[in-house]
Amino acid sequence: MEVVNQLKAQGLLAGVVLAEGVSVLPSPASLRALIDRLVEARMAAEFPPAALKDGVRNLLRRGGFKPSGRNKPASEYLVQAAREGRFPFINNLVDINNYLSLRSGLPISLLDASVLSGSICIRCGQPGEQYVFNESGQSINLAGLICVCGGAPEAGVPLGNPIKDSMAGKLKPLTESAAGIIYAPSDVVSEAEMEGFLGEFSALLGEYGGAQNLVQYIA
């Protein structure tokens, strides 16, 4: 997998995990219990720290996007859902993704790696770009928003972002390979911390997702 981060100079530290041999299944009781313990902890204390919350929002603003209201980072949505007792359980792979986002305070995309066509380009969305993000056919305007694109190393087609991933990029029942992309502000999160998150992501995908081949990238 070729990974190109065009936004590194704008302060984006991107971590990528490519997992092959995964299976999409209901989460086992042990994974749900792990998530429940974290949800309980997030209900009891303020999270994320102000520096991290502001850092993520400021990172998204650098392209001109406004991360507020219905367009707030997915990580903030998960924290709010945890506090309100409605943390979502979807399937083992998505639940792993959401657990790590809730633990780290960082937005994470989880995509079917087959649609990336061997390359990931992380760039800002261009004026007029948009994609459908749910089964109801709702779309999100991608102009100025950090986007994960597949199909070409220098541009590609937008498939995910720190707010909402596309329907085209989301996991399917028969998905066999997945790519997780962690978005972090480089002035708040160090490469060593990113390596730690990627290691945890990989371990969870191996234990609960059946992943047999795992590769990590920091871009």
N, C-alpha and C. Protein backbone atom coordinates (compact mmCIF):
# COMPACT_ATOMS: atom_id res chain seq x y z
N MET A 1 0.85 -1.19 0.00
CA MET A 1 0.00 0.00 0.00
C MET A 1 0.89 1.25 0.00
N GLU A 2 0.66 2.15 -0.93
CA GLU A 2 1.37 3.41 -0.97
C GLU A 2 0.56 4.46 -0.21
N VAL A 3 1.20 5.15 0.72
CA VAL A 3 0.52 6.15 1.53
C VAL A 3 1.18 7.51 1.31
N VAL A 4 0.40 8.49 0.85
CA VAL A 4 0.90 9.85 0.61
C VAL A 4 0.08 10.81 1.47
N ASN A 5 0.75 11.53 2.34
CA ASN A 5 0.10 12.54 3.19
C ASN A 5 0.47 13.91 2.66
N GLN A 6 -0.43 14.52 1.89
CA GLN A 6 -0.18 15.85 1.36
C GLN A 6 -0.34 16.95 2.41
N LEU A 7 -0.84 16.60 3.58
CA LEU A 7 -1.16 17.61 4.60
C LEU A 7 -0.20 17.57 5.78
N LYS A 8 0.92 16.89 5.64
CA LYS A 8 1.88 16.81 6.75
C LYS A 8 2.38 18.18 7.13
N ALA A 9 2.65 19.03 6.15
CA ALA A 9 3.14 20.38 6.43
C ALA A 9 2.09 21.24 7.09
N GLN A 10 0.82 20.86 6.97
CA GLN A 10 -0.27 21.59 7.61
C GLN A 10 -0.58 21.05 9.00
N GLY A 11 0.25 20.12 9.48
CA GLY A 11 0.11 19.65 10.85
C GLY A 11 -0.62 18.35 11.03
N LEU A 12 -0.87 17.60 9.94
CA LEU A 12 -1.56 16.32 10.07
C LEU A 12 -0.55 15.19 10.24
N LEU A 13 -0.65 14.48 11.35
CA LEU A 13 0.08 13.24 11.55
C LEU A 13 -0.91 12.11 11.31
N ALA A 14 -0.63 11.29 10.31
CA ALA A 14 -1.56 10.22 9.93
C ALA A 14 -0.95 8.87 10.25
N GLY A 15 -1.73 8.03 10.91
CA GLY A 15 -1.33 6.65 11.16
C GLY A 15 -2.26 5.71 10.42
N VAL A 16 -1.70 4.71 9.78
CA VAL A 16 -2.49 3.78 8.96
C VAL A 16 -2.19 2.35 9.38
N VAL A 17 -3.23 1.55 9.54
CA VAL A 17 -3.10 0.11 9.75
C VAL A 17 -3.81 -0.58 8.60
N LEU A 18 -3.10 -1.46 7.91
CA LEU A 18 -3.70 -2.29 6.87
C LEU A 18 -3.80 -3.71 7.41
N ALA A 19 -5.01 -4.24 7.45
CA ALA A 19 -5.26 -5.57 8.02
C ALA A 19 -5.87 -6.48 6.96
N GLU A 20 -5.24 -7.60 6.71
CA GLU A 20 -5.75 -8.58 5.76
C GLU A 20 -6.25 -9.82 6.51
N GLY A 21 -7.20 -10.50 5.89
CA GLY A 21 -7.73 -11.71 6.48
C GLY A 21 -8.77 -11.48 7.56
N VAL A 22 -9.35 -10.27 7.60
CA VAL A 22 -10.35 -9.97 8.62
C VAL A 22 -11.70 -10.59 8.26
N SER A 23 -12.55 -10.72 9.27
CA SER A 23 -13.93 -11.17 9.09
C SER A 23 -14.85 -10.23 9.83
N VAL A 24 -15.95 -9.86 9.19
CA VAL A 24 -16.94 -8.98 9.81
C VAL A 24 -17.95 -9.85 10.55
N LEU A 25 -17.97 -9.73 11.88
CA LEU A 25 -18.79 -10.58 12.73
C LEU A 25 -19.36 -9.75 13.88
N PRO A 26 -20.36 -10.27 14.59
CA PRO A 26 -20.78 -9.59 15.82
C PRO A 26 -19.64 -9.58 16.82
N SER A 27 -19.56 -8.53 17.60
CA SER A 27 -18.50 -8.44 18.61
C SER A 27 -18.70 -9.50 19.69
N PRO A 28 -17.62 -10.20 20.08
CA PRO A 28 -17.73 -11.17 21.16
C PRO A 28 -17.94 -10.47 22.50
N ALA A 29 -18.36 -11.24 23.48
CA ALA A 29 -18.65 -10.67 24.80
C ALA A 29 -17.41 -10.01 25.41
N SER A 30 -16.23 -10.56 25.17
CA SER A 30 -15.02 -10.00 25.75
C SER A 30 -14.70 -8.62 25.19
N LEU A 31 -14.94 -8.41 23.89
CA LEU A 31 -14.73 -7.09 23.30
C LEU A 31 -15.77 -6.11 23.80
N ARG A 32 -17.01 -6.54 23.88
CA ARG A 32 -18.06 -5.65 24.39
C ARG A 32 -17.77 -5.24 25.84
N ALA A 33 -17.25 -6.17 26.63
CA ALA A 33 -16.92 -5.85 28.01
C ALA A 33 -15.79 -4.83 28.09
N LEU A 34 -14.78 -4.98 27.21
CA LEU A 34 -13.68 -4.01 27.14
C LEU A 34 -14.20 -2.62 26.82
N ILE A 35 -15.11 -2.55 25.86
CA ILE A 35 -15.69 -1.27 25.47
C ILE A 35 -16.55 -0.70 26.59
N ASP A 36 -17.33 -1.56 27.23
CA ASP A 36 -18.20 -1.09 28.33
C ASP A 36 -17.39 -0.46 29.45
N ARG A 37 -16.24 -1.04 29.77
CA ARG A 37 -15.40 -0.47 30.83
C ARG A 37 -14.88 0.91 30.45
N LEU A 38 -14.50 1.07 29.19
CA LEU A 38 -14.02 2.38 28.74
C LEU A 38 -15.16 3.39 28.72
N VAL A 39 -16.33 2.98 28.25
CA VAL A 39 -17.48 3.87 28.23
C VAL A 39 -17.79 4.35 29.65
N GLU A 40 -17.73 3.46 30.62
CA GLU A 40 -17.99 3.83 32.01
C GLU A 40 -16.97 4.86 32.48
N ALA A 41 -15.71 4.68 32.11
CA ALA A 41 -14.67 5.63 32.50
C ALA A 41 -14.90 6.99 31.86
N ARG A 42 -15.33 7.01 30.60
CA ARG A 42 -15.56 8.28 29.91
C ARG A 42 -16.79 9.00 30.47
N MET A 43 -17.72 8.26 31.02
CA MET A 43 -18.90 8.87 31.64
C MET A 43 -18.54 9.56 32.95
N ALA A 44 -17.45 9.12 33.57
CA ALA A 44 -17.10 9.61 34.90
C ALA A 44 -16.13 10.77 34.92
N ALA A 45 -15.51 11.07 33.79
CA ALA A 45 -14.49 12.12 33.77
C ALA A 45 -14.53 12.88 32.45
N GLU A 46 -14.08 14.13 32.49
CA GLU A 46 -14.06 14.97 31.29
C GLU A 46 -13.01 14.44 30.32
N PHE A 47 -13.41 14.31 29.04
CA PHE A 47 -12.50 13.81 28.01
C PHE A 47 -13.04 14.25 26.66
N PRO A 48 -12.17 14.54 25.69
CA PRO A 48 -10.71 14.57 25.76
C PRO A 48 -10.20 15.83 26.43
N PRO A 49 -8.91 15.87 26.79
CA PRO A 49 -8.33 17.10 27.33
C PRO A 49 -8.50 18.25 26.34
N ALA A 50 -8.60 19.46 26.86
CA ALA A 50 -8.85 20.62 26.01
C ALA A 50 -7.81 20.76 24.91
N ALA A 51 -6.54 20.50 25.23
CA ALA A 51 -5.49 20.65 24.22
C ALA A 51 -5.71 19.70 23.05
N LEU A 52 -6.15 18.49 23.34
CA LEU A 52 -6.39 17.52 22.27
C LEU A 52 -7.65 17.87 21.49
N LYS A 53 -8.71 18.20 22.18
CA LYS A 53 -9.96 18.56 21.50
C LYS A 53 -9.75 19.77 20.59
N ASP A 54 -9.11 20.80 21.12
CA ASP A 54 -8.85 22.00 20.32
C ASP A 54 -7.87 21.70 19.19
N GLY A 55 -6.89 20.84 19.45
CA GLY A 55 -5.92 20.50 18.42
C GLY A 55 -6.55 19.82 17.23
N VAL A 56 -7.48 18.89 17.49
CA VAL A 56 -8.17 18.20 16.40
C VAL A 56 -9.03 19.18 15.61
N ARG A 57 -9.77 20.01 16.32
CA ARG A 57 -10.63 20.99 15.63
C ARG A 57 -9.81 21.99 14.82
N ASN A 58 -8.72 22.46 15.39
CA ASN A 58 -7.87 23.40 14.67
C ASN A 58 -7.26 22.77 13.43
N LEU A 59 -6.92 21.50 13.52
CA LEU A 59 -6.39 20.78 12.37
C LEU A 59 -7.41 20.76 11.24
N LEU A 60 -8.65 20.51 11.56
CA LEU A 60 -9.70 20.45 10.54
C LEU A 60 -10.00 21.83 9.95
N ARG A 61 -9.77 22.88 10.74
CA ARG A 61 -10.05 24.23 10.25
C ARG A 61 -9.02 24.72 9.23
N ARG A 62 -7.85 24.11 9.20
CA ARG A 62 -6.76 24.64 8.38
C ARG A 62 -7.06 24.60 6.88
N GLY A 63 -7.98 23.77 6.47
CA GLY A 63 -8.37 23.75 5.07
C GLY A 63 -9.60 24.59 4.79
N GLY A 64 -10.15 25.22 5.84
CA GLY A 64 -11.33 26.06 5.68
C GLY A 64 -12.61 25.39 6.13
N PHE A 65 -12.53 24.14 6.61
CA PHE A 65 -13.71 23.42 7.07
C PHE A 65 -14.10 23.91 8.47
N LYS A 66 -15.39 23.87 8.80
CA LYS A 66 -15.86 24.29 10.11
C LYS A 66 -16.35 23.06 10.89
N PRO A 67 -15.54 22.54 11.83
CA PRO A 67 -15.88 21.31 12.55
C PRO A 67 -16.76 21.56 13.77
N SER A 68 -18.02 21.80 13.55
CA SER A 68 -18.93 22.06 14.66
C SER A 68 -20.31 21.53 14.31
N GLY A 69 -21.18 21.47 15.33
CA GLY A 69 -22.53 20.99 15.12
C GLY A 69 -22.55 19.57 14.56
N ARG A 70 -23.27 19.37 13.48
CA ARG A 70 -23.38 18.04 12.88
C ARG A 70 -22.09 17.65 12.17
N ASN A 71 -21.17 18.59 12.01
CA ASN A 71 -19.90 18.31 11.35
C ASN A 71 -18.73 18.26 12.34
N LYS A 72 -19.01 17.95 13.61
CA LYS A 72 -17.93 17.82 14.57
C LYS A 72 -17.18 16.51 14.34
N PRO A 73 -15.93 16.42 14.79
CA PRO A 73 -15.14 15.20 14.59
C PRO A 73 -15.86 13.97 15.14
N ALA A 74 -15.69 12.85 14.45
CA ALA A 74 -16.35 11.61 14.87
C ALA A 74 -15.96 11.21 16.29
N SER A 75 -14.74 11.54 16.70
CA SER A 75 -14.29 11.22 18.05
C SER A 75 -15.14 11.94 19.10
N GLU A 76 -15.52 13.17 18.83
CA GLU A 76 -16.37 13.92 19.77
C GLU A 76 -17.76 13.32 19.82
N TYR A 77 -18.26 12.87 18.69
CA TYR A 77 -19.58 12.21 18.67
C TYR A 77 -19.55 10.97 19.56
N LEU A 78 -18.48 10.18 19.48
CA LEU A 78 -18.40 8.95 20.27
C LEU A 78 -18.32 9.25 21.76
N VAL A 79 -17.59 10.29 22.14
CA VAL A 79 -17.52 10.68 23.55
C VAL A 79 -18.90 11.09 24.05
N GLN A 80 -19.60 11.88 23.25
CA GLN A 80 -20.95 12.31 23.63
C GLN A 80 -21.89 11.11 23.75
N ALA A 81 -21.79 10.17 22.80
CA ALA A 81 -22.63 8.97 22.85
C ALA A 81 -22.34 8.15 24.10
N ALA A 82 -21.06 8.07 24.49
CA ALA A 82 -20.70 7.34 25.70
C ALA A 82 -21.33 7.99 26.93
N ARG A 83 -21.24 9.31 27.01
CA ARG A 83 -21.78 10.03 28.16
C ARG A 83 -23.30 9.89 28.25
N GLU A 84 -23.94 9.76 27.10
CA GLU A 84 -25.40 9.68 27.07
C GLU A 84 -25.91 8.25 27.10
N GLY A 85 -25.01 7.28 27.28
CA GLY A 85 -25.42 5.88 27.38
C GLY A 85 -25.93 5.28 26.09
N ARG A 86 -25.44 5.78 24.94
CA ARG A 86 -25.91 5.25 23.65
C ARG A 86 -24.72 4.94 22.73
N PHE A 87 -23.63 4.47 23.33
CA PHE A 87 -22.46 4.13 22.52
C PHE A 87 -22.84 3.01 21.56
N PRO A 88 -22.53 3.17 20.26
CA PRO A 88 -23.02 2.21 19.27
C PRO A 88 -22.19 0.93 19.22
N PHE A 89 -22.86 -0.20 19.09
CA PHE A 89 -22.21 -1.47 18.78
C PHE A 89 -22.68 -1.89 17.38
N ILE A 90 -21.73 -2.06 16.46
CA ILE A 90 -22.06 -2.32 15.05
C ILE A 90 -21.62 -3.72 14.64
N ASN A 91 -20.32 -3.92 14.63
CA ASN A 91 -19.73 -5.24 14.39
C ASN A 91 -18.32 -5.21 14.98
N ASN A 92 -17.64 -6.34 14.95
CA ASN A 92 -16.35 -6.42 15.64
C ASN A 92 -15.34 -5.39 15.14
N LEU A 93 -15.24 -5.20 13.81
CA LEU A 93 -14.23 -4.28 13.27
C LEU A 93 -14.57 -2.82 13.55
N VAL A 94 -15.80 -2.45 13.33
CA VAL A 94 -16.21 -1.07 13.62
C VAL A 94 -16.13 -0.79 15.12
N ASP A 95 -16.48 -1.78 15.93
CA ASP A 95 -16.42 -1.58 17.38
C ASP A 95 -14.97 -1.41 17.86
N ILE A 96 -14.03 -2.12 17.25
CA ILE A 96 -12.62 -1.92 17.55
C ILE A 96 -12.21 -0.49 17.21
N ASN A 97 -12.61 -0.05 16.02
CA ASN A 97 -12.31 1.31 15.57
C ASN A 97 -12.86 2.34 16.55
N ASN A 98 -14.12 2.17 16.94
CA ASN A 98 -14.75 3.13 17.83
C ASN A 98 -14.15 3.09 19.23
N TYR A 99 -13.76 1.91 19.69
CA TYR A 99 -13.10 1.79 20.99
C TYR A 99 -11.81 2.59 20.99
N LEU A 100 -11.00 2.42 19.95
CA LEU A 100 -9.72 3.11 19.92
C LEU A 100 -9.91 4.62 19.79
N SER A 101 -10.91 5.05 19.05
CA SER A 101 -11.21 6.47 18.95
C SER A 101 -11.62 7.03 20.30
N LEU A 102 -12.46 6.30 21.02
CA LEU A 102 -12.90 6.74 22.34
C LEU A 102 -11.73 6.74 23.32
N ARG A 103 -10.81 5.83 23.17
CA ARG A 103 -9.66 5.76 24.08
C ARG A 103 -8.64 6.86 23.80
N SER A 104 -8.42 7.13 22.50
CA SER A 104 -7.39 8.09 22.11
C SER A 104 -7.89 9.53 22.03
N GLY A 105 -9.19 9.69 21.79
CA GLY A 105 -9.74 11.03 21.55
C GLY A 105 -9.50 11.52 20.14
N LEU A 106 -9.10 10.63 19.24
CA LEU A 106 -8.79 10.99 17.86
C LEU A 106 -9.81 10.40 16.90
N PRO A 107 -10.17 11.13 15.84
CA PRO A 107 -11.05 10.55 14.82
C PRO A 107 -10.30 9.52 13.99
N ILE A 108 -11.00 8.45 13.62
CA ILE A 108 -10.40 7.35 12.86
C ILE A 108 -11.38 6.91 11.78
N SER A 109 -10.88 6.75 10.56
CA SER A 109 -11.66 6.15 9.48
C SER A 109 -11.35 4.66 9.42
N LEU A 110 -12.36 3.87 9.09
CA LEU A 110 -12.16 2.44 8.85
C LEU A 110 -12.80 2.11 7.52
N LEU A 111 -11.97 1.71 6.55
CA LEU A 111 -12.43 1.52 5.18
C LEU A 111 -12.16 0.11 4.69
N ASP A 112 -12.96 -0.33 3.75
CA ASP A 112 -12.69 -1.57 3.04
C ASP A 112 -11.47 -1.32 2.16
N ALA A 113 -10.37 -2.01 2.44
CA ALA A 113 -9.11 -1.73 1.75
C ALA A 113 -9.19 -2.03 0.25
N SER A 114 -10.11 -2.88 -0.16
CA SER A 114 -10.18 -3.24 -1.58
C SER A 114 -10.56 -2.04 -2.45
N VAL A 115 -11.29 -1.06 -1.90
CA VAL A 115 -11.70 0.09 -2.70
C VAL A 115 -10.59 1.12 -2.83
N LEU A 116 -9.51 0.96 -2.07
CA LEU A 116 -8.41 1.91 -2.14
C LEU A 116 -7.49 1.65 -3.33
N SER A 117 -7.60 0.47 -3.92
CA SER A 117 -6.83 0.12 -5.13
C SER A 117 -5.33 0.29 -4.95
N GLY A 118 -4.85 -0.07 -3.76
CA GLY A 118 -3.41 -0.10 -3.54
C GLY A 118 -2.75 1.19 -3.15
N SER A 119 -3.51 2.27 -2.98
CA SER A 119 -2.89 3.54 -2.60
C SER A 119 -3.82 4.37 -1.75
N ILE A 120 -3.22 5.15 -0.86
CA ILE A 120 -3.95 6.11 -0.02
C ILE A 120 -3.32 7.48 -0.24
N CYS A 121 -4.14 8.43 -0.59
CA CYS A 121 -3.72 9.83 -0.67
C CYS A 121 -4.56 10.62 0.31
N ILE A 122 -3.91 11.32 1.23
CA ILE A 122 -4.62 12.16 2.20
C ILE A 122 -4.45 13.60 1.77
N ARG A 123 -5.55 14.26 1.47
CA ARG A 123 -5.52 15.62 0.95
C ARG A 123 -6.77 16.34 1.39
N CYS A 124 -6.86 17.63 1.10
CA CYS A 124 -8.08 18.39 1.35
C CYS A 124 -9.06 18.18 0.21
N GLY A 125 -10.33 18.08 0.56
CA GLY A 125 -11.36 18.01 -0.45
C GLY A 125 -11.42 19.30 -1.26
N GLN A 126 -11.77 19.15 -2.53
CA GLN A 126 -11.83 20.29 -3.44
C GLN A 126 -13.26 20.82 -3.55
N PRO A 127 -13.43 22.09 -3.95
CA PRO A 127 -14.78 22.62 -4.15
C PRO A 127 -15.58 21.73 -5.10
N GLY A 128 -16.79 21.44 -4.71
CA GLY A 128 -17.66 20.59 -5.53
C GLY A 128 -17.58 19.11 -5.19
N GLU A 129 -16.55 18.67 -4.45
CA GLU A 129 -16.46 17.26 -4.08
C GLU A 129 -17.41 16.95 -2.93
N GLN A 130 -18.05 15.81 -3.01
CA GLN A 130 -18.93 15.34 -1.96
C GLN A 130 -19.11 13.84 -2.09
N TYR A 131 -19.62 13.21 -1.04
CA TYR A 131 -19.99 11.81 -1.18
C TYR A 131 -21.14 11.48 -0.25
N VAL A 132 -21.82 10.38 -0.54
CA VAL A 132 -22.93 9.89 0.28
C VAL A 132 -22.34 9.14 1.46
N PHE A 133 -22.87 9.42 2.67
CA PHE A 133 -22.31 8.80 3.87
C PHE A 133 -23.28 7.90 4.63
N ASN A 134 -24.54 7.81 4.20
CA ASN A 134 -25.45 6.89 4.89
C ASN A 134 -26.44 6.28 3.90
N GLU A 135 -27.19 5.30 4.38
CA GLU A 135 -28.11 4.58 3.51
C GLU A 135 -29.28 5.43 3.06
N SER A 136 -29.51 6.54 3.73
CA SER A 136 -30.59 7.45 3.33
C SER A 136 -30.21 8.33 2.14
N GLY A 137 -28.94 8.27 1.75
CA GLY A 137 -28.48 9.05 0.60
C GLY A 137 -28.01 10.45 0.93
N GLN A 138 -27.82 10.75 2.24
CA GLN A 138 -27.31 12.07 2.62
C GLN A 138 -25.85 12.19 2.22
N SER A 139 -25.46 13.41 1.82
CA SER A 139 -24.08 13.63 1.38
C SER A 139 -23.43 14.71 2.24
N ILE A 140 -22.11 14.71 2.26
CA ILE A 140 -21.33 15.70 2.98
C ILE A 140 -20.45 16.46 2.00
N ASN A 141 -20.42 17.79 2.15
CA ASN A 141 -19.58 18.64 1.32
C ASN A 141 -18.14 18.50 1.81
N LEU A 142 -17.24 18.11 0.93
CA LEU A 142 -15.87 17.80 1.31
C LEU A 142 -14.89 18.97 1.12
N ALA A 143 -15.35 20.09 0.62
CA ALA A 143 -14.45 21.21 0.34
C ALA A 143 -13.70 21.64 1.60
N GLY A 144 -12.38 21.61 1.56
CA GLY A 144 -11.55 22.02 2.68
C GLY A 144 -11.40 21.00 3.79
N LEU A 145 -12.04 19.85 3.65
CA LEU A 145 -12.01 18.83 4.69
C LEU A 145 -10.92 17.81 4.41
N ILE A 146 -10.21 17.35 5.44
CA ILE A 146 -9.23 16.28 5.28
C ILE A 146 -9.93 15.05 4.73
N CYS A 147 -9.41 14.49 3.65
CA CYS A 147 -10.02 13.32 3.02
C CYS A 147 -8.99 12.23 2.78
N VAL A 148 -9.41 10.99 3.00
CA VAL A 148 -8.62 9.83 2.59
C VAL A 148 -9.16 9.39 1.25
N CYS A 149 -8.27 9.34 0.26
CA CYS A 149 -8.67 9.03 -1.11
C CYS A 149 -7.98 7.76 -1.59
N GLY A 150 -8.64 7.03 -2.45
CA GLY A 150 -8.07 5.82 -3.02
C GLY A 150 -8.10 5.86 -4.53
N GLY A 151 -7.30 5.02 -5.14
CA GLY A 151 -7.32 4.89 -6.59
C GLY A 151 -6.19 5.55 -7.31
N ALA A 152 -5.50 6.49 -6.66
CA ALA A 152 -4.36 7.17 -7.28
C ALA A 152 -3.51 7.77 -6.18
N PRO A 153 -2.18 7.69 -6.26
CA PRO A 153 -1.32 8.16 -5.18
C PRO A 153 -1.28 9.66 -4.99
N GLU A 154 -1.66 10.45 -5.98
CA GLU A 154 -1.54 11.90 -5.87
C GLU A 154 -2.88 12.64 -5.84
N ALA A 155 -3.98 11.94 -5.93
CA ALA A 155 -5.28 12.60 -5.86
C ALA A 155 -6.33 11.60 -5.40
N GLY A 156 -6.82 10.79 -6.33
CA GLY A 156 -7.75 9.73 -5.97
C GLY A 156 -9.15 10.21 -5.69
N VAL A 157 -10.00 9.26 -5.32
CA VAL A 157 -11.41 9.50 -5.04
C VAL A 157 -11.63 9.52 -3.53
N PRO A 158 -12.24 10.57 -2.96
CA PRO A 158 -12.47 10.62 -1.52
C PRO A 158 -13.37 9.48 -1.04
N LEU A 159 -12.93 8.82 0.03
CA LEU A 159 -13.67 7.68 0.57
C LEU A 159 -13.92 7.80 2.08
N GLY A 160 -13.12 8.60 2.76
CA GLY A 160 -13.28 8.75 4.20
C GLY A 160 -12.78 10.10 4.67
N ASN A 161 -13.20 10.49 5.87
CA ASN A 161 -12.71 11.73 6.49
C ASN A 161 -12.94 11.66 7.99
N PRO A 162 -12.44 12.62 8.76
CA PRO A 162 -12.57 12.56 10.22
C PRO A 162 -13.99 12.79 10.75
N ILE A 163 -14.93 13.09 9.86
CA ILE A 163 -16.31 13.35 10.27
C ILE A 163 -17.20 12.14 9.98
N LYS A 164 -17.25 11.75 8.71
CA LYS A 164 -18.10 10.64 8.28
C LYS A 164 -17.45 9.95 7.08
N ASP A 165 -17.35 8.63 7.13
CA ASP A 165 -16.83 7.88 6.00
C ASP A 165 -17.93 7.67 4.95
N SER A 166 -17.50 7.43 3.73
CA SER A 166 -18.45 7.27 2.63
C SER A 166 -19.09 5.88 2.64
N MET A 167 -20.26 5.77 2.05
CA MET A 167 -20.89 4.46 1.88
C MET A 167 -20.02 3.58 0.99
N ALA A 168 -19.40 4.17 -0.02
CA ALA A 168 -18.56 3.39 -0.93
C ALA A 168 -17.36 2.78 -0.22
N GLY A 169 -16.85 3.48 0.80
CA GLY A 169 -15.65 3.00 1.48
C GLY A 169 -15.91 2.15 2.71
N LYS A 170 -17.14 2.14 3.20
CA LYS A 170 -17.43 1.43 4.45
C LYS A 170 -17.28 -0.08 4.28
N LEU A 171 -17.10 -0.76 5.42
CA LEU A 171 -16.97 -2.21 5.40
C LEU A 171 -18.27 -2.86 4.94
N LYS A 172 -18.12 -3.99 4.23
CA LYS A 172 -19.26 -4.78 3.79
C LYS A 172 -19.25 -6.11 4.52
N PRO A 173 -20.36 -6.85 4.48
CA PRO A 173 -20.39 -8.15 5.19
C PRO A 173 -19.27 -9.10 4.77
N LEU A 174 -18.82 -9.03 3.53
CA LEU A 174 -17.79 -9.94 3.04
C LEU A 174 -16.41 -9.29 2.95
N THR A 175 -16.23 -8.14 3.58
CA THR A 175 -14.92 -7.49 3.58
C THR A 175 -13.86 -8.43 4.14
N GLU A 176 -12.73 -8.50 3.46
CA GLU A 176 -11.62 -9.37 3.90
C GLU A 176 -10.35 -8.60 4.23
N SER A 177 -10.31 -7.32 3.86
CA SER A 177 -9.16 -6.48 4.21
C SER A 177 -9.68 -5.09 4.58
N ALA A 178 -9.07 -4.51 5.60
CA ALA A 178 -9.53 -3.22 6.10
C ALA A 178 -8.35 -2.29 6.30
N ALA A 179 -8.61 -1.01 6.17
CA ALA A 179 -7.59 0.02 6.42
C ALA A 179 -8.14 1.00 7.44
N GLY A 180 -7.41 1.16 8.53
CA GLY A 180 -7.76 2.14 9.55
C GLY A 180 -6.83 3.34 9.45
N ILE A 181 -7.39 4.53 9.44
CA ILE A 181 -6.60 5.76 9.31
C ILE A 181 -6.88 6.65 10.52
N ILE A 182 -5.84 6.91 11.31
CA ILE A 182 -5.95 7.76 12.50
C ILE A 182 -5.49 9.17 12.14
N TYR A 183 -6.31 10.16 12.44
CA TYR A 183 -5.99 11.56 12.16
C TYR A 183 -5.56 12.25 13.45
N ALA A 184 -4.38 12.86 13.46
CA ALA A 184 -3.92 13.51 14.69
C ALA A 184 -3.21 14.82 14.38
N PRO A 185 -3.36 15.82 15.27
CA PRO A 185 -2.59 17.06 15.13
C PRO A 185 -1.16 16.81 15.60
N SER A 186 -0.19 17.08 14.74
CA SER A 186 1.20 16.76 15.07
C SER A 186 1.77 17.63 16.18
N ASP A 187 1.12 18.75 16.49
CA ASP A 187 1.60 19.60 17.58
C ASP A 187 1.08 19.15 18.94
N VAL A 188 0.23 18.13 18.94
CA VAL A 188 -0.32 17.60 20.20
C VAL A 188 0.05 16.13 20.39
N VAL A 189 0.03 15.36 19.31
CA VAL A 189 0.30 13.93 19.36
C VAL A 189 1.66 13.64 18.72
N SER A 190 2.53 12.94 19.45
CA SER A 190 3.86 12.63 18.94
C SER A 190 3.84 11.36 18.09
N GLU A 191 4.90 11.16 17.31
CA GLU A 191 5.01 9.93 16.52
C GLU A 191 5.07 8.71 17.42
N ALA A 192 5.71 8.84 18.57
CA ALA A 192 5.78 7.71 19.51
C ALA A 192 4.38 7.35 20.02
N GLU A 193 3.56 8.36 20.31
CA GLU A 193 2.19 8.09 20.74
C GLU A 193 1.39 7.45 19.61
N MET A 194 1.60 7.94 18.39
CA MET A 194 0.90 7.33 17.24
C MET A 194 1.31 5.88 17.07
N GLU A 195 2.58 5.57 17.23
CA GLU A 195 3.03 4.19 17.14
C GLU A 195 2.31 3.32 18.17
N GLY A 196 2.11 3.87 19.36
CA GLY A 196 1.39 3.13 20.39
C GLY A 196 -0.05 2.84 19.99
N PHE A 197 -0.73 3.84 19.44
CA PHE A 197 -2.11 3.64 19.00
C PHE A 197 -2.19 2.62 17.86
N LEU A 198 -1.25 2.69 16.92
CA LEU A 198 -1.24 1.75 15.82
C LEU A 198 -0.98 0.33 16.32
N GLY A 199 -0.09 0.20 17.30
CA GLY A 199 0.16 -1.12 17.86
C GLY A 199 -1.07 -1.69 18.54
N GLU A 200 -1.79 -0.85 19.27
CA GLU A 200 -3.01 -1.31 19.92
C GLU A 200 -4.08 -1.66 18.90
N PHE A 201 -4.20 -0.84 17.87
CA PHE A 201 -5.16 -1.10 16.78
C PHE A 201 -4.86 -2.48 16.17
N SER A 202 -3.60 -2.72 15.86
CA SER A 202 -3.21 -3.98 15.23
C SER A 202 -3.51 -5.16 16.14
N ALA A 203 -3.19 -5.02 17.44
CA ALA A 203 -3.43 -6.12 18.37
C ALA A 203 -4.91 -6.45 18.47
N LEU A 204 -5.76 -5.42 18.52
CA LEU A 204 -7.20 -5.64 18.60
C LEU A 204 -7.75 -6.29 17.32
N LEU A 205 -7.25 -5.83 16.18
CA LEU A 205 -7.70 -6.42 14.91
C LEU A 205 -7.27 -7.88 14.80
N GLY A 206 -6.11 -8.20 15.35
CA GLY A 206 -5.67 -9.58 15.35
C GLY A 206 -6.49 -10.44 16.29
N GLU A 207 -6.75 -9.94 17.51
CA GLU A 207 -7.46 -10.73 18.51
C GLU A 207 -8.95 -10.87 18.22
N TYR A 208 -9.57 -9.78 17.82
CA TYR A 208 -11.03 -9.79 17.68
C TYR A 208 -11.51 -9.73 16.23
N GLY A 209 -10.60 -9.40 15.29
CA GLY A 209 -11.01 -9.28 13.89
C GLY A 209 -10.50 -10.38 13.00
N GLY A 210 -9.65 -11.26 13.55
CA GLY A 210 -9.12 -12.36 12.75
C GLY A 210 -8.00 -11.97 11.79
N ALA A 211 -7.49 -10.74 11.89
CA ALA A 211 -6.45 -10.28 10.96
C ALA A 211 -5.20 -11.16 11.07
N GLN A 212 -4.67 -11.55 9.93
CA GLN A 212 -3.50 -12.42 9.88
C GLN A 212 -2.26 -11.66 9.39
N ASN A 213 -2.45 -10.68 8.54
CA ASN A 213 -1.35 -9.86 8.05
C ASN A 213 -1.65 -8.41 8.37
N LEU A 214 -0.74 -7.77 9.11
CA LEU A 214 -0.95 -6.39 9.55
C LEU A 214 0.29 -5.57 9.21
N VAL A 215 0.06 -4.40 8.60
CA VAL A 215 1.14 -3.49 8.27
C VAL A 215 0.77 -2.10 8.79
N GLN A 216 1.74 -1.41 9.38
CA GLN A 216 1.50 -0.09 9.93
C GLN A 216 2.33 0.96 9.19
N TYR A 217 1.75 2.13 9.03
CA TYR A 217 2.43 3.26 8.38
C TYR A 217 2.20 4.50 9.21
N ILE A 218 3.21 5.37 9.27
CA ILE A 218 3.04 6.72 9.81
C ILE A 218 3.46 7.68 8.71
N ALA A 219 2.56 8.60 8.36
CA ALA A 219 2.83 9.52 7.26
C ALA A 219 2.61 10.96 7.71
